[in-house]
C-alpha atoms as a PDB file:
ATOM      1  CA  MET A   1     127.692 117.035 103.728  1.00  0.00           C
ATOM      2  CA  PHE A   2     128.082 115.158 100.460  1.00  0.00           C
ATOM      3  CA  ASP A   3     128.181 116.717  97.123  1.00  0.00           C
ATOM      4  CA  ALA A   4     124.940 116.585  95.016  1.00  0.00           C
ATOM      5  CA  LEU A   5     125.070 113.571  93.035  1.00  0.00           C
ATOM      6  CA  THR A   6     125.769 113.527  89.520  1.00  0.00           C
ATOM      7  CA  PRO A   7     125.755 110.602  86.963  1.00  0.00           C
ATOM      8  CA  ARG A   8     128.668 108.657  87.360  1.00  0.00           C
ATOM      9  CA  THR A   9     130.206 105.033  86.634  1.00  0.00           C
ATOM     10  CA  ILE A  10     132.019 103.190  89.626  1.00  0.00           C
ATOM     11  CA  ARG A  11     133.815  99.943  89.399  1.00  0.00           C
ATOM     12  CA  TRP A  12     135.094  97.569  92.264  1.00  0.00           C
ATOM     13  CA  SER A  13     136.845  94.392  91.923  1.00  0.00           C
ATOM     14  CA  PRO A  14     137.146  91.524  94.589  1.00  0.00           C
ATOM     15  CA  VAL A  15     140.414  91.542  96.672  1.00  0.00           C
ATOM     16  CA  GLN A  16     140.537  87.990  96.352  1.00  0.00           C
ATOM     17  CA  GLY A  17     139.098  85.723  93.512  1.00  0.00           C
ATOM     18  CA  ILE A  18     137.871  86.887  89.991  1.00  0.00           C
ATOM     19  CA  GLY A  19     135.141  89.342  89.514  1.00  0.00           C
ATOM     20  CA  LEU A  20     134.066  92.719  88.795  1.00  0.00           C
ATOM     21  CA  GLU A  21     131.151  95.242  89.376  1.00  0.00           C
ATOM     22  CA  HIS A  22     130.188  97.981  86.821  1.00  0.00           C
ATOM     23  CA  LEU A  23     127.647 100.396  88.385  1.00  0.00           C
ATOM     24  CA  THR A  24     125.788 103.280  86.802  1.00  0.00           C
ATOM     25  CA  LEU A  25     124.563 105.833  89.514  1.00  0.00           C
ATOM     26  CA  ARG A  26     122.356 108.780  88.446  1.00  0.00           C
ATOM     27  CA  PRO A  27     119.784 111.214  89.847  1.00  0.00           C
ATOM     28  CA  ASP A  28     116.337 110.260  87.856  1.00  0.00           C
ATOM     29  CA  ALA A  29     112.851 111.952  88.360  1.00  0.00           C
ATOM     30  CA  GLY A  30     113.550 113.343  91.811  1.00  0.00           C
ATOM     31  CA  GLY A  31     115.274 110.257  93.136  1.00  0.00           C
ATOM     32  CA  ILE A  32     118.344 108.126  92.454  1.00  0.00           C
ATOM     33  CA  VAL A  33     118.624 105.039  90.357  1.00  0.00           C
ATOM     34  CA  ALA A  34     121.763 102.506  90.511  1.00  0.00           C
ATOM     35  CA  GLU A  35     122.054  99.851  88.039  1.00  0.00           C
ATOM     36  CA  SER A  36     124.932  97.441  87.877  1.00  0.00           C
ATOM     37  CA  VAL A  37     126.300  94.264  86.538  1.00  0.00           C
ATOM     38  CA  VAL A  38     128.192  91.971  88.860  1.00  0.00           C
ATOM     39  CA  ILE A  39     130.222  88.756  88.151  1.00  0.00           C
ATOM     40  CA  GLY A  40     132.084  87.009  90.815  1.00  0.00           C
ATOM     41  CA  GLU A  41     132.171  83.655  92.791  1.00  0.00           C
ATOM     42  CA  ARG A  42     130.981  82.402  95.906  1.00  0.00           C
ATOM     43  CA  GLY A  43     133.291  79.769  97.156  1.00  0.00           C
ATOM     44  CA  GLU A  44     134.079  78.204  93.901  1.00  0.00           C
ATOM     45  CA  LYS A  45     130.716  78.614  92.202  1.00  0.00           C
ATOM     46  CA  PRO A  46     130.742  81.435  89.582  1.00  0.00           C
ATOM     47  CA  TYR A  47     127.616  83.939  89.189  1.00  0.00           C
ATOM     48  CA  GLY A  48     126.755  86.601  86.718  1.00  0.00           C
ATOM     49  CA  LEU A  49     123.802  89.024  87.644  1.00  0.00           C
ATOM     50  CA  ASN A  50     122.555  92.465  87.061  1.00  0.00           C
ATOM     51  CA  TYR A  51     120.650  94.571  89.701  1.00  0.00           C
ATOM     52  CA  ARG A  52     118.507  97.803  89.754  1.00  0.00           C
ATOM     53  CA  ILE A  53     117.900  99.684  92.944  1.00  0.00           C
ATOM     54  CA  ASP A  54     115.441 102.961  92.914  1.00  0.00           C
ATOM     55  CA  CYS A  55     115.772 105.202  95.755  1.00  0.00           C
ATOM     56  CA  ASP A  56     113.693 108.466  96.688  1.00  0.00           C
ATOM     57  CA  ALA A  57     115.588 111.772  96.951  1.00  0.00           C
ATOM     58  CA  ASN A  58     116.341 110.837 100.668  1.00  0.00           C
ATOM     59  CA  TRP A  59     118.122 107.553  99.466  1.00  0.00           C
ATOM     60  CA  CYS A  60     115.589 105.400 100.924  1.00  0.00           C
ATOM     61  CA  ALA A  61     115.019 102.385  98.788  1.00  0.00           C
ATOM     62  CA  ARG A  62     111.884 102.282  97.016  1.00  0.00           C
ATOM     63  CA  ALA A  63     112.397  99.292  94.694  1.00  0.00           C
ATOM     64  CA  PHE A  64     114.939  96.721  93.685  1.00  0.00           C
ATOM     65  CA  ARG A  65     115.285  93.759  91.232  1.00  0.00           C
ATOM     66  CA  ILE A  66     118.109  91.224  90.772  1.00  0.00           C
ATOM     67  CA  VAL A  67     118.363  88.957  87.735  1.00  0.00           C
ATOM     68  CA  THR A  68     121.068  86.053  87.286  1.00  0.00           C
ATOM     69  CA  THR A  69     122.281  85.235  83.826  1.00  0.00           C
ATOM     70  CA  ASP A  70     120.582  81.998  84.410  1.00  0.00           C
ATOM     71  CA  GLY A  71     117.180  83.589  84.778  1.00  0.00           C
ATOM     72  CA  ARG A  72     116.610  83.399  88.626  1.00  0.00           C
ATOM     73  CA  GLY A  73     115.763  86.872  90.225  1.00  0.00           C
ATOM     74  CA  LEU A  74     114.052  88.643  93.031  1.00  0.00           C
ATOM     75  CA  ALA A  75     112.171  91.983  92.965  1.00  0.00           C
ATOM     76  CA  LEU A  76     110.574  93.863  95.760  1.00  0.00           C
ATOM     77  CA  LEU A  77     108.857  97.229  96.207  1.00  0.00           C
ATOM     78  CA  SER A  78     108.835  99.544  99.278  1.00  0.00           C
ATOM     79  CA  ASP A  79     106.969 102.396 100.228  1.00  0.00           C
ATOM     80  CA  GLY A  80     110.254 104.157 101.501  1.00  0.00           C
ATOM     81  CA  ALA A  81     109.276 103.885 105.039  1.00  0.00           C
ATOM     82  CA  GLY A  82     110.187 100.146 105.428  1.00  0.00           C
ATOM     83  CA  HIS A  83     106.948  98.516 104.179  1.00  0.00           C
ATOM     84  CA  TRP A  84     107.896  95.969 101.479  1.00  0.00           C
ATOM     85  CA  ARG A  85     105.502  94.011  98.929  1.00  0.00           C
ATOM     86  CA  SER A  86     105.922  91.999  95.816  1.00  0.00           C
ATOM     87  CA  LEU A  87     105.597  93.236  92.306  1.00  0.00           C
ATOM     88  CA  GLY A  88     102.229  91.601  92.561  1.00  0.00           C
ATOM     89  CA  GLY A  89     101.290  93.600  95.822  1.00  0.00           C
ATOM     90  CA  LYS A  90     101.646  90.860  98.327  1.00  0.00           C
ATOM     91  CA  PRO A  91     102.845  92.472 101.535  1.00  0.00           C
ATOM     92  CA  ARG A  92     105.913  91.157 103.095  1.00  0.00           C
ATOM     93  CA  PRO A  93     105.689  92.176 106.530  1.00  0.00           C
ATOM     94  CA  GLU A  94     108.858  90.054 107.801  1.00  0.00           C
ATOM     95  CA  PHE A  95     110.697  93.189 106.489  1.00  0.00           C
ATOM     96  CA  ASP A  96     108.458  96.025 108.297  1.00  0.00           C
ATOM     97  CA  GLY A  97     111.025  98.494 109.454  1.00  0.00           C
ATOM     98  CA  CYS A  98     113.547  97.806 106.951  1.00  0.00           C
ATOM     99  CA  ILE A  99     114.387 101.112 104.995  1.00  0.00           C
ATOM    100  CA  ASP A 100     117.660 100.028 103.379  1.00  0.00           C
ATOM    101  CA  ILE A 101     118.741  96.962 101.546  1.00  0.00           C
ATOM    102  CA  ASP A 102     122.113  95.053 101.548  1.00  0.00           C
ATOM    103  CA  LEU A 103     122.973  92.830  98.549  1.00  0.00           C
ATOM    104  CA  ALA A 104     125.881  90.586  99.089  1.00  0.00           C
ATOM    105  CA  GLY A 105     128.458  90.717  96.754  1.00  0.00           C
ATOM    106  CA  THR A 106     128.532  94.296  96.282  1.00  0.00           C
ATOM    107  CA  PRO A 107     129.979  97.225  98.442  1.00  0.00           C
ATOM    108  CA  PHE A 108     127.188  99.758  96.840  1.00  0.00           C
ATOM    109  CA  THR A 109     124.518  98.850  99.222  1.00  0.00           C
ATOM    110  CA  ASN A 110     126.420 100.352 102.283  1.00  0.00           C
ATOM    111  CA  THR A 111     126.172 103.564 100.592  1.00  0.00           C
ATOM    112  CA  LEU A 112     122.427 103.668 101.184  1.00  0.00           C
ATOM    113  CA  PRO A 113     122.050 104.202 105.036  1.00  0.00           C
ATOM    114  CA  ILE A 114     125.371 106.345 104.736  1.00  0.00           C
ATOM    115  CA  ARG A 115     123.917 108.792 102.516  1.00  0.00           C
ATOM    116  CA  ARG A 116     120.252 108.467 104.080  1.00  0.00           C
ATOM    117  CA  LEU A 117     121.542 108.998 107.687  1.00  0.00           C
ATOM    118  CA  GLU A 118     124.196 111.558 107.008  1.00  0.00           C
ATOM    119  CA  LEU A 119     125.863 110.508 110.360  1.00  0.00           C
ATOM    120  CA  LYS A 120     128.036 112.687 112.354  1.00  0.00           C
ATOM    121  CA  PRO A 121     130.592 111.327 114.884  1.00  0.00           C
ATOM    122  CA  GLU A 122     128.529 112.880 117.667  1.00  0.00           C
ATOM    123  CA  ALA A 123     125.440 110.736 116.834  1.00  0.00           C
ATOM    124  CA  GLY A 124     127.440 107.387 117.815  1.00  0.00           C
ATOM    125  CA  THR A 125     126.254 104.183 116.528  1.00  0.00           C
ATOM    126  CA  VAL A 126     122.991 103.484 115.057  1.00  0.00           C
ATOM    127  CA  GLN A 127     121.626 100.142 114.553  1.00  0.00           C
ATOM    128  CA  LEU A 128     119.337  99.270 111.565  1.00  0.00           C
ATOM    129  CA  ASP A 129     117.382  96.455 110.448  1.00  0.00           C
ATOM    130  CA  MET A 130     118.154  95.725 106.701  1.00  0.00           C
ATOM    131  CA  LEU A 131     116.592  93.637 104.091  1.00  0.00           C
ATOM    132  CA  TYR A 132     119.811  91.481 103.078  1.00  0.00           C
ATOM    133  CA  VAL A 133     119.755  89.277  99.899  1.00  0.00           C
ATOM    134  CA  PRO A 134     122.485  86.635  99.343  1.00  0.00           C
ATOM    135  CA  PHE A 135     123.601  86.242  96.091  1.00  0.00           C
ATOM    136  CA  ASP A 136     123.516  82.282  96.349  1.00  0.00           C
ATOM    137  CA  ASP A 137     119.764  81.584  96.696  1.00  0.00           C
ATOM    138  CA  PHE A 138     118.045  85.065  96.652  1.00  0.00           C
ATOM    139  CA  THR A 139     116.058  84.282  99.845  1.00  0.00           C
ATOM    140  CA  PRO A 140     115.960  87.647 101.440  1.00  0.00           C
ATOM    141  CA  PHE A 141     116.295  87.793 105.441  1.00  0.00           C
ATOM    142  CA  ARG A 142     116.125  90.553 108.122  1.00  0.00           C
ATOM    143  CA  ASP A 143     119.744  91.435 109.228  1.00  0.00           C
ATOM    144  CA  ALA A 144     120.899  93.752 111.926  1.00  0.00           C
ATOM    145  CA  GLN A 145     123.757  96.143 111.282  1.00  0.00           C
ATOM    146  CA  ARG A 146     125.113  98.969 112.905  1.00  0.00           C
ATOM    147  CA  TYR A 147     126.913 102.012 111.330  1.00  0.00           C
ATOM    148  CA  THR A 148     129.075 104.589 112.918  1.00  0.00           C
ATOM    149  CA  CYS A 149     130.541 107.907 111.672  1.00  0.00           C
ATOM    150  CA  LEU A 150     134.310 107.971 112.236  1.00  0.00           C
ATOM    151  CA  ARG A 151     134.923 111.327 110.367  1.00  0.00           C
ATOM    152  CA  ALA A 152     132.018 113.018 108.786  1.00  0.00           C
ATOM    153  CA  GLY A 153     131.524 112.537 105.060  1.00  0.00           C
ATOM    154  CA  ARG A 154     134.609 110.454 104.783  1.00  0.00           C
ATOM    155  CA  LEU A 155     134.548 107.318 106.981  1.00  0.00           C
ATOM    156  CA  TYR A 156     132.053 104.890 108.518  1.00  0.00           C
ATOM    157  CA  ARG A 157     132.122 101.789 110.376  1.00  0.00           C
ATOM    158  CA  TYR A 158     130.114  99.191 109.402  1.00  0.00           C
ATOM    159  CA  GLU A 159     129.288  96.208 111.842  1.00  0.00           C
ATOM    160  CA  ALA A 160     127.258  93.172 111.728  1.00  0.00           C
ATOM    161  CA  ALA A 161     125.231  93.255 114.855  1.00  0.00           C
ATOM    162  CA  ASP A 162     126.184  90.052 116.107  1.00  0.00           C
ATOM    163  CA  ARG A 163     129.936  91.277 115.999  1.00  0.00           C
ATOM    164  CA  THR A 164     131.026  88.811 113.706  1.00  0.00           C
ATOM    165  CA  PHE A 165     132.467  91.322 110.906  1.00  0.00           C
ATOM    166  CA  ALA A 166     133.304  94.971 110.717  1.00  0.00           C
ATOM    167  CA  ALA A 167     134.832  97.126 108.296  1.00  0.00           C
ATOM    168  CA  ASP A 168     135.794 101.064 108.389  1.00  0.00           C
ATOM    169  CA  LEU A 169     134.418 102.142 104.946  1.00  0.00           C
ATOM    170  CA  PRO A 170     135.840 105.307 103.173  1.00  0.00           C
ATOM    171  CA  VAL A 171     133.572 107.250 101.049  1.00  0.00           C
ATOM    172  CA  ASP A 172     133.860 109.650  98.256  1.00  0.00           C
ATOM    173  CA  GLU A 173     132.625 113.164  97.903  1.00  0.00           C
ATOM    174  CA  HIS A 174     129.197 111.687  96.886  1.00  0.00           C
ATOM    175  CA  GLY A 175     129.003 109.293  99.822  1.00  0.00           C
ATOM    176  CA  VAL A 176     129.712 106.209  97.597  1.00  0.00           C
ATOM    177  CA  VAL A 177     131.707 103.370  99.443  1.00  0.00           C
ATOM    178  CA  GLY A 178     135.215 103.422  97.693  1.00  0.00           C
ATOM    179  CA  ASP A 179     137.477 100.544  98.837  1.00  0.00           C
ATOM    180  CA  TYR A 180     136.200  97.836 101.082  1.00  0.00           C
ATOM    181  CA  PRO A 181     138.753  96.579 103.249  1.00  0.00           C
ATOM    182  CA  THR A 182     139.351  92.594 103.068  1.00  0.00           C
ATOM    183  CA  LEU A 183     136.520  92.545 100.168  1.00  0.00           C
ATOM    184  CA  PHE A 184     136.616  94.875  97.539  1.00  0.00           C
ATOM    185  CA  ARG A 185     138.895  97.573  95.899  1.00  0.00           C
ATOM    186  CA  ARG A 186     137.715 100.550  93.785  1.00  0.00           C
ATOM    187  CA  VAL A 187     139.023 100.639  90.410  1.00  0.00           C
END
């Protein structure tokens, strides 16, 4: 459904406020690597960080690392089947079953379940448990989300399972999120 991934650079800016994300996405050793620098603000508090996400060839998250410009960070590893652990090997059973991650402050991580599932309209809505990481304190938690294919390979609906937020996300030929209505625009 999607074109084979080729190395690419993508940028998004927030619809409101100041900020920019600069993402490099590339195939790497049989998987996919996304590396990004993000500057922005939450409320009136500015932040700067970089993150790296390593996925297998099926777009299952295998590792991620986030580091802020002031030295705070978080890094976790996965077996690709939803079993997470710290870099030191300590299991994180509270995230069992979370195959995908969602990092606040970036539209990119919505790409992971869209690519991994390759949903078609006839599949209906799929509910997922995500390992969600907010950019304010980096304390991860489990978050239920729903994805629905509206137009195969072109448009997907994201919904918070508690129905507090929904957005129809257009994707490019590689399945990467384009504009994120009300939050981000691709530049």
